[in-house]
Amino acid sequence: MRWLGHKKWFAWTAARLAPLDAKVVRRSGGKFGLLGNYGLPQCLLTTTGRKSGQQRTVTLLYGTRAPDELVLIGSNFGQRHHPAWALNLEANPDCIFEVDDQPREMTARLVEDADEREAIWQLMYEIWPAYNAYRGRAGRDIKVFVLTPKT
């Protein structure tokens, strides 16, 4: 599965399946998804729409930096625009992070420090090597977030 992530057709298809995938993952309690999970760390992330105020849920890969520090990459499969969830987190950093039907209230922080960003990129490359291809294709500064428990 990891080699597919480098293919443009996979990124195109996955981007279009992503909204429906979140619904399938939620209904199955995280057991199934349209894109599969193939042993990859997958979560449901719920943000508040920056324009609508509505709750929006997406399926994402995530990394664990520490027990209470999770990381997300706003690659949008290498598309030229930022994913809506990343823009939503910038507008309102409160979110719900869910794995295995266990939701957790979290607060997101946009990572701006170059060294911290690079360390997170390295962690995420190990999880999903296609992030390298997405980074090269996107033509933009991809947003990187750290999530910590809401206090």
N, C-alpha and C. Protein backbone atom coordinates (compact mmCIF):
# COMPACT_ATOMS: atom_id res chain seq x y z
N MET A 1 0.82 -1.20 0.00
CA MET A 1 0.00 0.00 0.00
C MET A 1 0.87 1.26 0.00
N ARG A 2 1.98 1.23 0.72
CA ARG A 2 2.80 2.44 0.84
C ARG A 2 3.31 2.95 -0.51
N TRP A 3 3.56 2.06 -1.45
CA TRP A 3 4.07 2.49 -2.75
C TRP A 3 2.98 3.20 -3.55
N LEU A 4 1.71 2.89 -3.30
CA LEU A 4 0.62 3.54 -4.03
C LEU A 4 0.54 5.03 -3.73
N GLY A 5 0.89 5.41 -2.52
CA GLY A 5 0.80 6.81 -2.13
C GLY A 5 1.61 7.74 -3.01
N HIS A 6 2.63 7.24 -3.66
CA HIS A 6 3.47 8.06 -4.53
C HIS A 6 2.82 8.33 -5.88
N LYS A 7 1.81 7.56 -6.23
CA LYS A 7 1.17 7.67 -7.55
C LYS A 7 0.15 8.80 -7.57
N LYS A 8 0.20 9.62 -8.60
CA LYS A 8 -0.74 10.74 -8.70
C LYS A 8 -2.18 10.26 -8.77
N TRP A 9 -2.43 9.15 -9.48
CA TRP A 9 -3.81 8.67 -9.60
C TRP A 9 -4.35 8.24 -8.24
N PHE A 10 -3.48 7.69 -7.38
CA PHE A 10 -3.93 7.29 -6.05
C PHE A 10 -4.30 8.52 -5.22
N ALA A 11 -3.45 9.53 -5.27
CA ALA A 11 -3.71 10.75 -4.53
C ALA A 11 -5.02 11.39 -4.99
N TRP A 12 -5.25 11.42 -6.30
CA TRP A 12 -6.46 11.99 -6.87
C TRP A 12 -7.68 11.22 -6.37
N THR A 13 -7.61 9.89 -6.44
CA THR A 13 -8.73 9.05 -6.01
C THR A 13 -8.97 9.16 -4.51
N ALA A 14 -7.90 9.08 -3.74
CA ALA A 14 -8.02 9.14 -2.28
C ALA A 14 -8.62 10.47 -1.83
N ALA A 15 -8.24 11.56 -2.46
CA ALA A 15 -8.77 12.87 -2.09
C ALA A 15 -10.28 12.92 -2.30
N ARG A 16 -10.77 12.24 -3.31
CA ARG A 16 -12.20 12.25 -3.59
C ARG A 16 -12.97 11.27 -2.71
N LEU A 17 -12.31 10.21 -2.26
CA LEU A 17 -12.96 9.24 -1.38
C LEU A 17 -12.92 9.66 0.09
N ALA A 18 -12.03 10.56 0.44
CA ALA A 18 -11.81 10.93 1.84
C ALA A 18 -13.08 11.34 2.59
N PRO A 19 -13.95 12.18 2.02
CA PRO A 19 -15.15 12.56 2.79
C PRO A 19 -16.05 11.36 3.12
N LEU A 20 -16.21 10.46 2.19
CA LEU A 20 -17.03 9.27 2.44
C LEU A 20 -16.31 8.30 3.37
N ASP A 21 -14.99 8.25 3.27
CA ASP A 21 -14.20 7.35 4.11
C ASP A 21 -14.43 7.62 5.59
N ALA A 22 -14.49 8.89 5.97
CA ALA A 22 -14.70 9.23 7.38
C ALA A 22 -16.02 8.66 7.89
N LYS A 23 -17.04 8.68 7.05
CA LYS A 23 -18.35 8.12 7.45
C LYS A 23 -18.28 6.61 7.64
N VAL A 24 -17.58 5.94 6.75
CA VAL A 24 -17.44 4.48 6.85
C VAL A 24 -16.63 4.12 8.10
N VAL A 25 -15.54 4.83 8.34
CA VAL A 25 -14.70 4.56 9.52
C VAL A 25 -15.52 4.77 10.79
N ARG A 26 -16.27 5.85 10.84
CA ARG A 26 -17.08 6.15 12.04
C ARG A 26 -18.13 5.05 12.27
N ARG A 27 -18.86 4.68 11.23
CA ARG A 27 -19.93 3.67 11.38
C ARG A 27 -19.39 2.29 11.75
N SER A 28 -18.17 2.00 11.34
CA SER A 28 -17.59 0.68 11.64
C SER A 28 -16.78 0.69 12.93
N GLY A 29 -16.79 1.80 13.64
CA GLY A 29 -16.01 1.90 14.88
C GLY A 29 -14.51 1.83 14.63
N GLY A 30 -14.09 2.26 13.44
CA GLY A 30 -12.68 2.28 13.11
C GLY A 30 -12.15 0.98 12.54
N LYS A 31 -13.02 0.01 12.35
CA LYS A 31 -12.57 -1.30 11.85
C LYS A 31 -12.39 -1.32 10.33
N PHE A 32 -13.18 -0.51 9.61
CA PHE A 32 -13.13 -0.51 8.15
C PHE A 32 -13.10 0.91 7.63
N GLY A 33 -12.52 1.04 6.43
CA GLY A 33 -12.52 2.31 5.73
C GLY A 33 -12.39 2.05 4.25
N LEU A 34 -12.84 2.98 3.45
CA LEU A 34 -12.75 2.81 2.00
C LEU A 34 -11.30 2.73 1.53
N LEU A 35 -10.44 3.45 2.21
CA LEU A 35 -9.02 3.45 1.84
C LEU A 35 -8.24 2.40 2.61
N GLY A 36 -8.92 1.64 3.47
CA GLY A 36 -8.26 0.63 4.29
C GLY A 36 -7.38 1.30 5.33
N ASN A 37 -6.78 0.50 6.21
CA ASN A 37 -5.81 1.12 7.11
C ASN A 37 -4.45 0.46 7.02
N TYR A 38 -4.39 -0.78 6.58
CA TYR A 38 -3.13 -1.44 6.27
C TYR A 38 -2.08 -1.28 7.37
N GLY A 39 -2.53 -1.26 8.60
CA GLY A 39 -1.61 -1.15 9.73
C GLY A 39 -1.10 0.26 9.96
N LEU A 40 -1.64 1.22 9.24
CA LEU A 40 -1.21 2.61 9.40
C LEU A 40 -2.01 3.27 10.52
N PRO A 41 -1.40 4.19 11.25
CA PRO A 41 -2.13 4.88 12.33
C PRO A 41 -3.13 5.88 11.76
N GLN A 42 -4.40 5.55 11.88
CA GLN A 42 -5.48 6.35 11.33
C GLN A 42 -6.34 6.93 12.43
N CYS A 43 -6.83 8.13 12.23
CA CYS A 43 -7.73 8.75 13.20
C CYS A 43 -8.88 9.41 12.47
N LEU A 44 -9.90 9.72 13.25
CA LEU A 44 -10.95 10.63 12.80
C LEU A 44 -10.67 11.96 13.50
N LEU A 45 -10.62 13.01 12.74
CA LEU A 45 -10.41 14.34 13.31
C LEU A 45 -11.66 15.16 13.03
N THR A 46 -12.23 15.72 14.09
CA THR A 46 -13.41 16.58 13.94
C THR A 46 -13.01 18.00 14.29
N THR A 47 -13.24 18.89 13.34
CA THR A 47 -12.95 20.31 13.52
C THR A 47 -14.26 21.08 13.37
N THR A 48 -14.20 22.36 13.71
CA THR A 48 -15.35 23.23 13.50
C THR A 48 -15.09 24.06 12.26
N GLY A 49 -16.01 24.00 11.31
CA GLY A 49 -15.86 24.74 10.06
C GLY A 49 -15.67 26.22 10.31
N ARG A 50 -14.64 26.80 9.73
CA ARG A 50 -14.30 28.20 9.98
C ARG A 50 -15.35 29.15 9.39
N LYS A 51 -16.08 28.71 8.37
CA LYS A 51 -17.11 29.55 7.77
C LYS A 51 -18.51 29.13 8.24
N SER A 52 -18.75 27.83 8.28
CA SER A 52 -20.09 27.32 8.58
C SER A 52 -20.38 27.17 10.08
N GLY A 53 -19.31 26.94 10.87
CA GLY A 53 -19.51 26.64 12.28
C GLY A 53 -19.97 25.20 12.52
N GLN A 54 -20.10 24.42 11.44
CA GLN A 54 -20.54 23.02 11.52
C GLN A 54 -19.36 22.11 11.87
N GLN A 55 -19.66 21.01 12.54
CA GLN A 55 -18.64 20.01 12.83
C GLN A 55 -18.29 19.27 11.54
N ARG A 56 -17.00 19.12 11.27
CA ARG A 56 -16.50 18.44 10.06
C ARG A 56 -15.53 17.35 10.48
N THR A 57 -15.73 16.14 9.96
CA THR A 57 -14.89 15.00 10.34
C THR A 57 -14.19 14.43 9.11
N VAL A 58 -12.90 14.17 9.26
CA VAL A 58 -12.08 13.58 8.20
C VAL A 58 -11.25 12.44 8.77
N THR A 59 -10.85 11.54 7.90
CA THR A 59 -9.93 10.46 8.26
C THR A 59 -8.52 10.92 7.90
N LEU A 60 -7.58 10.76 8.84
CA LEU A 60 -6.20 11.18 8.60
C LEU A 60 -5.22 10.17 9.17
N LEU A 61 -4.02 10.17 8.62
CA LEU A 61 -2.91 9.48 9.26
C LEU A 61 -2.37 10.40 10.34
N TYR A 62 -1.82 9.82 11.39
CA TYR A 62 -1.24 10.65 12.44
C TYR A 62 0.04 9.99 12.95
N GLY A 63 0.85 10.78 13.61
CA GLY A 63 2.05 10.29 14.25
C GLY A 63 1.99 10.57 15.73
N THR A 64 2.73 9.79 16.50
CA THR A 64 2.79 9.99 17.95
C THR A 64 4.20 10.40 18.31
N ARG A 65 4.33 11.60 18.84
CA ARG A 65 5.64 12.11 19.24
C ARG A 65 5.90 11.82 20.70
N ALA A 66 4.86 11.83 21.49
CA ALA A 66 4.90 11.51 22.92
C ALA A 66 3.49 11.03 23.26
N PRO A 67 3.29 10.40 24.41
CA PRO A 67 1.94 9.88 24.71
C PRO A 67 0.83 10.91 24.56
N ASP A 68 1.11 12.16 24.88
CA ASP A 68 0.09 13.20 24.76
C ASP A 68 0.42 14.24 23.69
N GLU A 69 1.24 13.86 22.71
CA GLU A 69 1.56 14.73 21.59
C GLU A 69 1.40 13.97 20.28
N LEU A 70 0.39 14.34 19.55
CA LEU A 70 0.10 13.70 18.27
C LEU A 70 0.37 14.71 17.17
N VAL A 71 0.75 14.23 16.01
CA VAL A 71 1.07 15.14 14.91
C VAL A 71 0.25 14.81 13.67
N LEU A 72 -0.08 15.87 12.93
CA LEU A 72 -0.84 15.76 11.69
C LEU A 72 -0.16 16.60 10.62
N ILE A 73 -0.23 16.12 9.39
CA ILE A 73 0.36 16.81 8.24
C ILE A 73 -0.77 17.18 7.29
N GLY A 74 -0.87 18.45 6.94
CA GLY A 74 -1.91 18.92 6.02
C GLY A 74 -1.51 18.82 4.57
N SER A 75 -1.13 17.62 4.14
CA SER A 75 -0.61 17.44 2.78
C SER A 75 -1.68 17.50 1.71
N ASN A 76 -2.90 17.11 2.06
CA ASN A 76 -4.00 17.08 1.09
C ASN A 76 -3.60 16.28 -0.15
N PHE A 77 -2.86 15.19 0.08
CA PHE A 77 -2.42 14.29 -0.99
C PHE A 77 -1.57 15.01 -2.04
N GLY A 78 -0.89 16.09 -1.63
CA GLY A 78 -0.02 16.81 -2.55
C GLY A 78 -0.75 17.80 -3.44
N GLN A 79 -2.02 18.07 -3.15
CA GLN A 79 -2.75 19.06 -3.94
C GLN A 79 -2.22 20.47 -3.63
N ARG A 80 -2.47 21.39 -4.53
CA ARG A 80 -1.93 22.74 -4.41
C ARG A 80 -2.63 23.58 -3.34
N HIS A 81 -3.78 23.14 -2.86
CA HIS A 81 -4.48 23.91 -1.83
C HIS A 81 -4.47 23.16 -0.49
N HIS A 82 -4.58 23.94 0.57
CA HIS A 82 -4.61 23.37 1.91
C HIS A 82 -5.92 22.63 2.14
N PRO A 83 -5.89 21.55 2.91
CA PRO A 83 -7.14 20.87 3.23
C PRO A 83 -7.99 21.74 4.16
N ALA A 84 -9.30 21.63 4.03
CA ALA A 84 -10.21 22.43 4.85
C ALA A 84 -9.97 22.21 6.34
N TRP A 85 -9.67 20.95 6.73
CA TRP A 85 -9.49 20.68 8.16
C TRP A 85 -8.32 21.50 8.73
N ALA A 86 -7.27 21.71 7.94
CA ALA A 86 -6.11 22.47 8.43
C ALA A 86 -6.47 23.94 8.59
N LEU A 87 -7.22 24.48 7.66
CA LEU A 87 -7.66 25.87 7.77
C LEU A 87 -8.62 26.02 8.95
N ASN A 88 -9.46 25.01 9.16
CA ASN A 88 -10.37 25.03 10.30
C ASN A 88 -9.60 25.04 11.62
N LEU A 89 -8.54 24.22 11.71
CA LEU A 89 -7.73 24.18 12.94
C LEU A 89 -7.03 25.51 13.19
N GLU A 90 -6.62 26.17 12.14
CA GLU A 90 -5.99 27.49 12.32
C GLU A 90 -7.00 28.48 12.89
N ALA A 91 -8.23 28.41 12.41
CA ALA A 91 -9.26 29.34 12.87
C ALA A 91 -9.75 29.00 14.27
N ASN A 92 -9.82 27.70 14.58
CA ASN A 92 -10.29 27.24 15.89
C ASN A 92 -9.50 25.98 16.24
N PRO A 93 -8.51 26.06 17.10
CA PRO A 93 -7.64 24.92 17.38
C PRO A 93 -8.27 23.79 18.22
N ASP A 94 -9.47 24.00 18.75
CA ASP A 94 -10.12 22.93 19.51
C ASP A 94 -10.67 21.88 18.54
N CYS A 95 -10.42 20.61 18.84
CA CYS A 95 -10.83 19.54 17.94
C CYS A 95 -11.08 18.27 18.74
N ILE A 96 -11.62 17.27 18.05
CA ILE A 96 -11.79 15.95 18.64
C ILE A 96 -10.98 14.97 17.80
N PHE A 97 -10.11 14.26 18.45
CA PHE A 97 -9.23 13.26 17.85
C PHE A 97 -9.76 11.90 18.31
N GLU A 98 -10.05 11.02 17.36
CA GLU A 98 -10.67 9.74 17.71
C GLU A 98 -9.94 8.57 17.07
N VAL A 99 -9.60 7.60 17.90
CA VAL A 99 -9.01 6.34 17.44
C VAL A 99 -9.72 5.21 18.17
N ASP A 100 -10.05 4.15 17.45
CA ASP A 100 -10.70 2.97 18.04
C ASP A 100 -11.96 3.35 18.82
N ASP A 101 -12.74 4.25 18.24
CA ASP A 101 -14.01 4.66 18.85
C ASP A 101 -13.83 5.36 20.19
N GLN A 102 -12.62 5.90 20.44
CA GLN A 102 -12.31 6.60 21.69
C GLN A 102 -12.00 8.07 21.37
N PRO A 103 -12.99 8.96 21.50
CA PRO A 103 -12.73 10.38 21.22
C PRO A 103 -11.99 11.08 22.35
N ARG A 104 -11.11 12.02 21.97
CA ARG A 104 -10.36 12.82 22.93
C ARG A 104 -10.43 14.28 22.50
N GLU A 105 -10.74 15.16 23.44
CA GLU A 105 -10.73 16.58 23.14
C GLU A 105 -9.28 17.05 23.14
N MET A 106 -8.91 17.72 22.06
CA MET A 106 -7.52 18.15 21.87
C MET A 106 -7.48 19.61 21.44
N THR A 107 -6.29 20.18 21.56
CA THR A 107 -6.02 21.53 21.05
C THR A 107 -4.85 21.42 20.08
N ALA A 108 -5.00 22.04 18.93
CA ALA A 108 -3.97 21.99 17.89
C ALA A 108 -3.09 23.23 17.95
N ARG A 109 -1.84 23.02 17.60
CA ARG A 109 -0.87 24.12 17.47
C ARG A 109 -0.19 23.99 16.12
N LEU A 110 -0.24 25.04 15.33
CA LEU A 110 0.46 25.07 14.06
C LEU A 110 1.95 25.17 14.34
N VAL A 111 2.74 24.26 13.77
CA VAL A 111 4.18 24.24 14.01
C VAL A 111 4.84 25.18 13.00
N GLU A 112 5.55 26.18 13.53
CA GLU A 112 6.21 27.15 12.66
C GLU A 112 7.73 27.08 12.76
N ASP A 113 8.25 26.52 13.84
CA ASP A 113 9.70 26.39 14.00
C ASP A 113 10.24 25.39 12.97
N ALA A 114 11.23 25.81 12.20
CA ALA A 114 11.75 24.99 11.10
C ALA A 114 12.32 23.66 11.58
N ASP A 115 13.06 23.66 12.68
CA ASP A 115 13.65 22.41 13.19
C ASP A 115 12.57 21.45 13.68
N GLU A 116 11.58 21.98 14.37
CA GLU A 116 10.49 21.12 14.86
C GLU A 116 9.70 20.56 13.68
N ARG A 117 9.43 21.39 12.69
CA ARG A 117 8.71 20.93 11.49
C ARG A 117 9.47 19.79 10.82
N GLU A 118 10.77 19.96 10.68
CA GLU A 118 11.57 18.94 9.99
C GLU A 118 11.59 17.64 10.77
N ALA A 119 11.67 17.71 12.09
CA ALA A 119 11.64 16.50 12.92
C ALA A 119 10.30 15.77 12.75
N ILE A 120 9.22 16.53 12.66
CA ILE A 120 7.90 15.91 12.46
C ILE A 120 7.82 15.30 11.07
N TRP A 121 8.34 16.00 10.06
CA TRP A 121 8.35 15.43 8.71
C TRP A 121 9.07 14.09 8.70
N GLN A 122 10.21 14.01 9.37
CA GLN A 122 10.97 12.76 9.40
C GLN A 122 10.15 11.64 10.06
N LEU A 123 9.49 11.95 11.16
CA LEU A 123 8.63 10.97 11.83
C LEU A 123 7.53 10.50 10.88
N MET A 124 6.91 11.41 10.18
CA MET A 124 5.79 11.06 9.31
C MET A 124 6.24 10.35 8.03
N TYR A 125 7.44 10.64 7.52
CA TYR A 125 7.97 9.91 6.37
C TYR A 125 8.09 8.42 6.70
N GLU A 126 8.48 8.12 7.92
CA GLU A 126 8.61 6.72 8.31
C GLU A 126 7.27 6.01 8.32
N ILE A 127 6.21 6.73 8.63
CA ILE A 127 4.87 6.16 8.65
C ILE A 127 4.32 6.04 7.23
N TRP A 128 4.48 7.09 6.45
CA TRP A 128 3.91 7.15 5.10
C TRP A 128 4.92 7.83 4.18
N PRO A 129 5.79 7.05 3.51
CA PRO A 129 6.83 7.64 2.67
C PRO A 129 6.32 8.56 1.57
N ALA A 130 5.07 8.42 1.17
CA ALA A 130 4.52 9.27 0.11
C ALA A 130 4.44 10.73 0.53
N TYR A 131 4.55 11.03 1.82
CA TYR A 131 4.56 12.43 2.24
C TYR A 131 5.67 13.19 1.52
N ASN A 132 6.75 12.52 1.20
CA ASN A 132 7.84 13.15 0.47
C ASN A 132 7.37 13.60 -0.91
N ALA A 133 6.63 12.71 -1.59
CA ALA A 133 6.10 13.05 -2.91
C ALA A 133 5.07 14.18 -2.80
N TYR A 134 4.22 14.12 -1.79
CA TYR A 134 3.21 15.16 -1.60
C TYR A 134 3.88 16.52 -1.36
N ARG A 135 4.93 16.50 -0.58
CA ARG A 135 5.65 17.74 -0.25
C ARG A 135 6.23 18.35 -1.53
N GLY A 136 6.76 17.52 -2.39
CA GLY A 136 7.33 18.01 -3.64
C GLY A 136 6.28 18.49 -4.63
N ARG A 137 5.12 17.84 -4.64
CA ARG A 137 4.07 18.17 -5.60
C ARG A 137 3.23 19.38 -5.21
N ALA A 138 3.09 19.61 -3.93
CA ALA A 138 2.11 20.59 -3.45
C ALA A 138 2.39 22.02 -3.91
N GLY A 139 3.65 22.40 -4.01
CA GLY A 139 3.97 23.76 -4.41
C GLY A 139 3.54 24.80 -3.37
N ARG A 140 3.46 24.39 -2.12
CA ARG A 140 3.07 25.29 -1.04
C ARG A 140 3.74 24.82 0.23
N ASP A 141 3.71 25.65 1.25
CA ASP A 141 4.22 25.27 2.56
C ASP A 141 3.13 24.46 3.26
N ILE A 142 3.33 23.17 3.38
CA ILE A 142 2.32 22.28 3.97
C ILE A 142 2.25 22.51 5.48
N LYS A 143 1.04 22.63 5.96
CA LYS A 143 0.81 22.89 7.39
C LYS A 143 1.06 21.62 8.22
N VAL A 144 1.73 21.81 9.36
CA VAL A 144 2.05 20.73 10.29
C VAL A 144 1.49 21.13 11.65
N PHE A 145 0.81 20.20 12.31
CA PHE A 145 0.17 20.49 13.60
C PHE A 145 0.60 19.50 14.65
N VAL A 146 0.66 19.98 15.90
CA VAL A 146 0.82 19.13 17.08
C VAL A 146 -0.47 19.26 17.87
N LEU A 147 -1.03 18.12 18.25
CA LEU A 147 -2.25 18.09 19.07
C LEU A 147 -1.90 17.64 20.47
N THR A 148 -2.43 18.35 21.47
CA THR A 148 -2.26 17.99 22.87
C THR A 148 -3.62 17.99 23.54
N PRO A 149 -3.77 17.26 24.65
CA PRO A 149 -5.07 17.23 25.33
C PRO A 149 -5.55 18.62 25.72
N LYS A 150 -6.83 18.85 25.52
CA LYS A 150 -7.40 20.14 25.89
C LYS A 150 -7.40 20.30 27.39
N THR A 151 -7.00 21.47 27.85
CA THR A 151 -6.94 21.71 29.29
C THR A 151 -8.06 22.64 29.74
